[in-house]
């Protein structure tokens, strides 16, 4: 359901809308609002923000090692 709402959002990658939908779904499932919010933002951190950082370090290593 959150993915459907996020795909209708004009924001890139459903930013904001997907989080709101996931928080709503988790709280409807019985998780407290604070725990649901923390879980959703940790998930977004791990899926959207950390991979590019790791990719940048890998790219720099590959350039230094002359693989690229």
PDB file of N, CA and C in Angstrom:
ATOM      1  N   UNK A   1       0.820  -1.187   0.000  1.00  0.00           N
ATOM      2  CA  UNK A   1       0.000   0.000   0.000  1.00  0.00           C
ATOM      3  C   UNK A   1       0.866   1.254   0.000  1.00  0.00           C
ATOM      4  N   UNK A   2       1.943   1.254   0.805  1.00  0.00           N
ATOM      5  CA  UNK A   2       2.826   2.416   0.852  1.00  0.00           C
ATOM      6  C   UNK A   2       3.505   2.618  -0.489  1.00  0.00           C
ATOM      7  N   UNK A   3       3.838   1.539  -1.178  1.00  0.00           N
ATOM      8  CA  UNK A   3       4.460   1.642  -2.490  1.00  0.00           C
ATOM      9  C   UNK A   3       3.518   2.260  -3.512  1.00  0.00           C
ATOM     10  N   UNK A   4       2.254   1.935  -3.424  1.00  0.00           N
ATOM     11  CA  UNK A   4       1.262   2.516  -4.327  1.00  0.00           C
ATOM     12  C   UNK A   4       1.144   4.011  -4.096  1.00  0.00           C
ATOM     13  N   UNK A   5       1.105   4.428  -2.846  1.00  0.00           N
ATOM     14  CA  UNK A   5       1.047   5.854  -2.541  1.00  0.00           C
ATOM     15  C   UNK A   5       2.315   6.565  -2.986  1.00  0.00           C
ATOM     16  N   UNK A   6       3.455   5.923  -2.784  1.00  0.00           N
ATOM     17  CA  UNK A   6       4.729   6.538  -3.146  1.00  0.00           C
ATOM     18  C   UNK A   6       4.866   6.704  -4.649  1.00  0.00           C
ATOM     19  N   UNK A   7       4.337   5.763  -5.418  1.00  0.00           N
ATOM     20  CA  UNK A   7       4.447   5.867  -6.871  1.00  0.00           C
ATOM     21  C   UNK A   7       3.598   7.009  -7.417  1.00  0.00           C
ATOM     22  N   UNK A   8       2.579   7.424  -6.697  1.00  0.00           N
ATOM     23  CA  UNK A   8       1.743   8.536  -7.124  1.00  0.00           C
ATOM     24  C   UNK A   8       2.327   9.884  -6.710  1.00  0.00           C
ATOM     25  N   UNK A   9       3.373   9.866  -5.911  1.00  0.00           N
ATOM     26  CA  UNK A   9       3.977  11.090  -5.412  1.00  0.00           C
ATOM     27  C   UNK A   9       4.875  11.735  -6.458  1.00  0.00           C
ATOM     28  N   UNK A  10       4.851  13.059  -6.559  1.00  0.00           N
ATOM     29  CA  UNK A  10       5.753  13.730  -7.491  1.00  0.00           C
ATOM     30  C   UNK A  10       7.193  13.785  -6.990  1.00  0.00           C
ATOM     31  N   UNK A  11       7.422  13.511  -5.721  1.00  0.00           N
ATOM     32  CA  UNK A  11       8.778  13.537  -5.161  1.00  0.00           C
ATOM     33  C   UNK A  11       9.564  12.329  -5.645  1.00  0.00           C
ATOM     34  N   UNK A  12      10.854  12.497  -5.776  1.00  0.00           N
ATOM     35  CA  UNK A  12      11.710  11.419  -6.234  1.00  0.00           C
ATOM     36  C   UNK A  12      11.735  10.240  -5.279  1.00  0.00           C
ATOM     37  N   UNK A  13      11.611   9.047  -5.827  1.00  0.00           N
ATOM     38  CA  UNK A  13      11.633   7.796  -5.072  1.00  0.00           C
ATOM     39  C   UNK A  13      10.566   7.731  -3.984  1.00  0.00           C
ATOM     40  N   UNK A  14       9.523   8.536  -4.096  1.00  0.00           N
ATOM     41  CA  UNK A  14       8.443   8.499  -3.120  1.00  0.00           C
ATOM     42  C   UNK A  14       8.833   9.029  -1.761  1.00  0.00           C
ATOM     43  N   UNK A  15       9.839   9.874  -1.711  1.00  0.00           N
ATOM     44  CA  UNK A  15      10.334  10.395  -0.432  1.00  0.00           C
ATOM     45  C   UNK A  15       9.211  11.082   0.332  1.00  0.00           C
ATOM     46  N   UNK A  16       9.048  10.717   1.545  1.00  0.00           N
ATOM     47  CA  UNK A  16       8.040  11.316   2.404  1.00  0.00           C
ATOM     48  C   UNK A  16       6.726  10.564   2.392  1.00  0.00           C
ATOM     49  N   UNK A  17       6.220  10.294   1.213  1.00  0.00           N
ATOM     50  CA  UNK A  17       4.941   9.594   1.099  1.00  0.00           C
ATOM     51  C   UNK A  17       5.103   8.135   1.508  1.00  0.00           C
ATOM     52  N   UNK A  18       6.171   7.499   1.048  1.00  0.00           N
ATOM     53  CA  UNK A  18       6.413   6.101   1.408  1.00  0.00           C
ATOM     54  C   UNK A  18       6.630   5.960   2.906  1.00  0.00           C
ATOM     55  N   UNK A  19       7.381   6.883   3.476  1.00  0.00           N
ATOM     56  CA  UNK A  19       7.631   6.827   4.914  1.00  0.00           C
ATOM     57  C   UNK A  19       6.330   6.978   5.699  1.00  0.00           C
ATOM     58  N   UNK A  20       5.509   7.917   5.288  1.00  0.00           N
ATOM     59  CA  UNK A  20       4.232   8.124   5.985  1.00  0.00           C
ATOM     60  C   UNK A  20       3.354   6.882   5.893  1.00  0.00           C
ATOM     61  N   UNK A  21       3.322   6.264   4.724  1.00  0.00           N
ATOM     62  CA  UNK A  21       2.523   5.053   4.555  1.00  0.00           C
ATOM     63  C   UNK A  21       3.046   3.896   5.389  1.00  0.00           C
ATOM     64  N   UNK A  22       4.373   3.752   5.445  1.00  0.00           N
ATOM     65  CA  UNK A  22       4.951   2.672   6.248  1.00  0.00           C
ATOM     66  C   UNK A  22       4.727   2.904   7.734  1.00  0.00           C
ATOM     67  N   UNK A  23       4.878   4.141   8.173  1.00  0.00           N
ATOM     68  CA  UNK A  23       4.633   4.445   9.592  1.00  0.00           C
ATOM     69  C   UNK A  23       3.176   4.170   9.937  1.00  0.00           C
ATOM     70  N   UNK A  24       2.274   4.562   9.057  1.00  0.00           N
ATOM     71  CA  UNK A  24       0.849   4.306   9.280  1.00  0.00           C
ATOM     72  C   UNK A  24       0.567   2.810   9.351  1.00  0.00           C
ATOM     73  N   UNK A  25       1.174   2.050   8.442  1.00  0.00           N
ATOM     74  CA  UNK A  25       0.953   0.603   8.445  1.00  0.00           C
ATOM     75  C   UNK A  25       1.511  -0.055   9.700  1.00  0.00           C
ATOM     76  N   UNK A  26       2.685   0.375  10.126  1.00  0.00           N
ATOM     77  CA  UNK A  26       3.276  -0.213  11.335  1.00  0.00           C
ATOM     78  C   UNK A  26       2.477   0.142  12.586  1.00  0.00           C
ATOM     79  N   UNK A  27       2.005   1.381  12.663  1.00  0.00           N
ATOM     80  CA  UNK A  27       1.202   1.740  13.839  1.00  0.00           C
ATOM     81  C   UNK A  27      -0.141   1.022  13.826  1.00  0.00           C
ATOM     82  N   UNK A  28      -0.688   0.776  12.633  1.00  0.00           N
ATOM     83  CA  UNK A  28      -1.929  -0.001  12.553  1.00  0.00           C
ATOM     84  C   UNK A  28      -1.689  -1.441  12.978  1.00  0.00           C
ATOM     85  N   UNK A  29      -0.467  -1.906  12.823  1.00  0.00           N
ATOM     86  CA  UNK A  29      -0.119  -3.265  13.236  1.00  0.00           C
ATOM     87  C   UNK A  29       0.188  -3.389  14.716  1.00  0.00           C
ATOM     88  N   UNK A  30       0.175  -2.280  15.439  1.00  0.00           N
ATOM     89  CA  UNK A  30       0.346  -2.346  16.887  1.00  0.00           C
ATOM     90  C   UNK A  30       1.680  -1.839  17.402  1.00  0.00           C
ATOM     91  N   UNK A  31       2.539  -1.337  16.537  1.00  0.00           N
ATOM     92  CA  UNK A  31       3.830  -0.804  16.978  1.00  0.00           C
ATOM     93  C   UNK A  31       3.625   0.649  17.387  1.00  0.00           C
ATOM     94  N   UNK A  32       4.325   1.095  18.421  1.00  0.00           N
ATOM     95  CA  UNK A  32       4.181   2.486  18.843  1.00  0.00           C
ATOM     96  C   UNK A  32       4.680   3.421  17.752  1.00  0.00           C
ATOM     97  N   UNK A  33       4.164   4.640  17.759  1.00  0.00           N
ATOM     98  CA  UNK A  33       4.512   5.607  16.716  1.00  0.00           C
ATOM     99  C   UNK A  33       6.006   5.922  16.714  1.00  0.00           C
ATOM    100  N   UNK A  34       6.599   6.057  17.889  1.00  0.00           N
ATOM    101  CA  UNK A  34       8.033   6.355  17.965  1.00  0.00           C
ATOM    102  C   UNK A  34       8.870   5.216  17.395  1.00  0.00           C
ATOM    103  N   UNK A  35       8.524   3.986  17.745  1.00  0.00           N
ATOM    104  CA  UNK A  35       9.264   2.832  17.232  1.00  0.00           C
ATOM    105  C   UNK A  35       9.076   2.672  15.727  1.00  0.00           C
ATOM    106  N   UNK A  36       7.871   2.905  15.256  1.00  0.00           N
ATOM    107  CA  UNK A  36       7.600   2.797  13.822  1.00  0.00           C
ATOM    108  C   UNK A  36       8.373   3.853  13.047  1.00  0.00           C
ATOM    109  N   UNK A  37       8.401   5.072  13.554  1.00  0.00           N
ATOM    110  CA  UNK A  37       9.135   6.143  12.887  1.00  0.00           C
ATOM    111  C   UNK A  37      10.621   5.830  12.834  1.00  0.00           C
ATOM    112  N   UNK A  38      11.174   5.361  13.937  1.00  0.00           N
ATOM    113  CA  UNK A  38      12.592   5.014  13.958  1.00  0.00           C
ATOM    114  C   UNK A  38      12.898   3.877  12.991  1.00  0.00           C
ATOM    115  N   UNK A  39      12.050   2.870  12.959  1.00  0.00           N
ATOM    116  CA  UNK A  39      12.278   1.731  12.072  1.00  0.00           C
ATOM    117  C   UNK A  39      12.225   2.143  10.608  1.00  0.00           C
ATOM    118  N   UNK A  40      11.284   3.002  10.265  1.00  0.00           N
ATOM    119  CA  UNK A  40      11.147   3.435   8.875  1.00  0.00           C
ATOM    120  C   UNK A  40      12.344   4.282   8.457  1.00  0.00           C
ATOM    121  N   UNK A  41      12.802   5.170   9.307  1.00  0.00           N
ATOM    122  CA  UNK A  41      13.932   6.010   8.917  1.00  0.00           C
ATOM    123  C   UNK A  41      15.254   5.244   8.911  1.00  0.00           C
ATOM    124  N   UNK A  42      15.400   4.253   9.768  1.00  0.00           N
ATOM    125  CA  UNK A  42      16.589   3.396   9.695  1.00  0.00           C
ATOM    126  C   UNK A  42      16.565   2.584   8.404  1.00  0.00           C
ATOM    127  N   UNK A  43      15.381   2.110   8.012  1.00  0.00           N
ATOM    128  CA  UNK A  43      15.254   1.374   6.750  1.00  0.00           C
ATOM    129  C   UNK A  43      15.612   2.274   5.576  1.00  0.00           C
ATOM    130  N   UNK A  44      15.158   3.516   5.574  1.00  0.00           N
ATOM    131  CA  UNK A  44      15.471   4.439   4.480  1.00  0.00           C
ATOM    132  C   UNK A  44      16.969   4.747   4.465  1.00  0.00           C
ATOM    133  N   UNK A  45      17.556   4.904   5.629  1.00  0.00           N
ATOM    134  CA  UNK A  45      18.993   5.152   5.709  1.00  0.00           C
ATOM    135  C   UNK A  45      19.778   4.000   5.092  1.00  0.00           C
ATOM    136  N   UNK A  46      19.399   2.772   5.454  1.00  0.00           N
ATOM    137  CA  UNK A  46      20.126   1.597   4.964  1.00  0.00           C
ATOM    138  C   UNK A  46      19.870   1.305   3.493  1.00  0.00           C
ATOM    139  N   UNK A  47      18.713   1.677   2.971  1.00  0.00           N
ATOM    140  CA  UNK A  47      18.397   1.336   1.591  1.00  0.00           C
ATOM    141  C   UNK A  47      18.663   2.460   0.603  1.00  0.00           C
ATOM    142  N   UNK A  48      18.703   3.706   1.047  1.00  0.00           N
ATOM    143  CA  UNK A  48      18.845   4.813   0.097  1.00  0.00           C
ATOM    144  C   UNK A  48      20.091   5.651   0.289  1.00  0.00           C
ATOM    145  N   UNK A  49      20.603   5.766   1.501  1.00  0.00           N
ATOM    146  CA  UNK A  49      21.702   6.693   1.732  1.00  0.00           C
ATOM    147  C   UNK A  49      23.052   6.011   1.920  1.00  0.00           C
ATOM    148  N   UNK A  50      23.105   4.853   2.515  1.00  0.00           N
ATOM    149  CA  UNK A  50      24.389   4.182   2.717  1.00  0.00           C
ATOM    150  C   UNK A  50      24.970   3.535   1.458  1.00  0.00           C
ATOM    151  N   UNK A  51      24.165   2.932   0.579  1.00  0.00           N
ATOM    152  CA  UNK A  51      24.756   2.329  -0.627  1.00  0.00           C
ATOM    153  C   UNK A  51      25.543   3.307  -1.512  1.00  0.00           C
ATOM    154  N   UNK A  52      25.084   4.541  -1.735  1.00  0.00           N
ATOM    155  CA  UNK A  52      25.908   5.457  -2.524  1.00  0.00           C
ATOM    156  C   UNK A  52      27.235   5.811  -1.853  1.00  0.00           C
ATOM    157  N   UNK A  53      27.242   5.884  -0.536  1.00  0.00           N
ATOM    158  CA  UNK A  53      28.490   6.175   0.180  1.00  0.00           C
ATOM    159  C   UNK A  53      29.468   5.025  -0.016  1.00  0.00           C
ATOM    160  N   UNK A  54      28.992   3.795   0.145  1.00  0.00           N
ATOM    161  CA  UNK A  54      29.846   2.629  -0.072  1.00  0.00           C
ATOM    162  C   UNK A  54      30.305   2.564  -1.526  1.00  0.00           C
ATOM    163  N   UNK A  55      29.431   2.924  -2.446  1.00  0.00           N
ATOM    164  CA  UNK A  55      29.787   2.935  -3.858  1.00  0.00           C
ATOM    165  C   UNK A  55      30.853   3.957  -4.178  1.00  0.00           C
ATOM    166  N   UNK A  56      30.793   5.108  -3.525  1.00  0.00           N
ATOM    167  CA  UNK A  56      31.801   6.138  -3.749  1.00  0.00           C
ATOM    168  C   UNK A  56      33.175   5.654  -3.286  1.00  0.00           C
ATOM    169  N   UNK A  57      33.224   5.037  -2.085  1.00  0.00           N
ATOM    170  CA  UNK A  57      34.498   4.511  -1.599  1.00  0.00           C
ATOM    171  C   UNK A  57      35.028   3.420  -2.527  1.00  0.00           C
ATOM    172  N   UNK A  58      34.153   2.579  -3.027  1.00  0.00           N
ATOM    173  CA  UNK A  58      34.558   1.527  -3.969  1.00  0.00           C
ATOM    174  C   UNK A  58      35.078   2.130  -5.263  1.00  0.00           C
ATOM    175  N   UNK A  59      34.415   3.150  -5.766  1.00  0.00           N
ATOM    176  CA  UNK A  59      34.865   3.825  -6.980  1.00  0.00           C
ATOM    177  C   UNK A  59      36.233   4.445  -6.786  1.00  0.00           C
ATOM    178  N   UNK A  60      36.461   5.093  -5.667  1.00  0.00           N
ATOM    179  CA  UNK A  60      37.768   5.705  -5.407  1.00  0.00           C
ATOM    180  C   UNK A  60      38.854   4.632  -5.316  1.00  0.00           C
ATOM    181  N   UNK A  61      38.552   3.507  -4.673  1.00  0.00           N
ATOM    182  CA  UNK A  61      39.520   2.416  -4.567  1.00  0.00           C
ATOM    183  C   UNK A  61      39.835   1.841  -5.957  1.00  0.00           C
ATOM    184  N   UNK A  62      38.791   1.667  -6.773  1.00  0.00           N
ATOM    185  CA  UNK A  62      38.997   1.109  -8.115  1.00  0.00           C
ATOM    186  C   UNK A  62      39.805   2.068  -8.987  1.00  0.00           C
ATOM    187  N   UNK A  63      39.602   3.358  -8.861  1.00  0.00           N
ATOM    188  CA  UNK A  63      40.401   4.319  -9.619  1.00  0.00           C
ATOM    189  C   UNK A  63      41.854   4.318  -9.161  1.00  0.00           C
ATOM    190  N   UNK A  64      42.071   4.251  -7.850  1.00  0.00           N
ATOM    191  CA  UNK A  64      43.430   4.235  -7.310  1.00  0.00           C
ATOM    192  C   UNK A  64      44.168   2.960  -7.733  1.00  0.00           C
ATOM    193  N   UNK A  65      43.444   1.872  -7.781  1.00  0.00           N
ATOM    194  CA  UNK A  65      44.051   0.599  -8.172  1.00  0.00           C
ATOM    195  C   UNK A  65      44.113   0.421  -9.690  1.00  0.00           C
ATOM    196  N   UNK A  66      43.648   1.421 -10.420  1.00  0.00           N
ATOM    197  CA  UNK A  66      43.643   1.439 -11.872  1.00  0.00           C
ATOM    198  C   UNK A  66      42.810   0.309 -12.483  1.00  0.00           C
ATOM    199  N   UNK A  67      41.725  -0.032 -11.820  1.00  0.00           N
ATOM    200  CA  UNK A  67      40.775  -0.973 -12.395  1.00  0.00           C
ATOM    201  C   UNK A  67      39.840  -0.239 -13.357  1.00  0.00           C
ATOM    202  N   UNK A  68      39.749   1.078 -13.186  1.00  0.00           N
ATOM    203  CA  UNK A  68      38.917   1.894 -14.068  1.00  0.00           C
ATOM    204  C   UNK A  68      39.769   2.895 -14.803  1.00  0.00           C
TER     205      UNK A  68
END
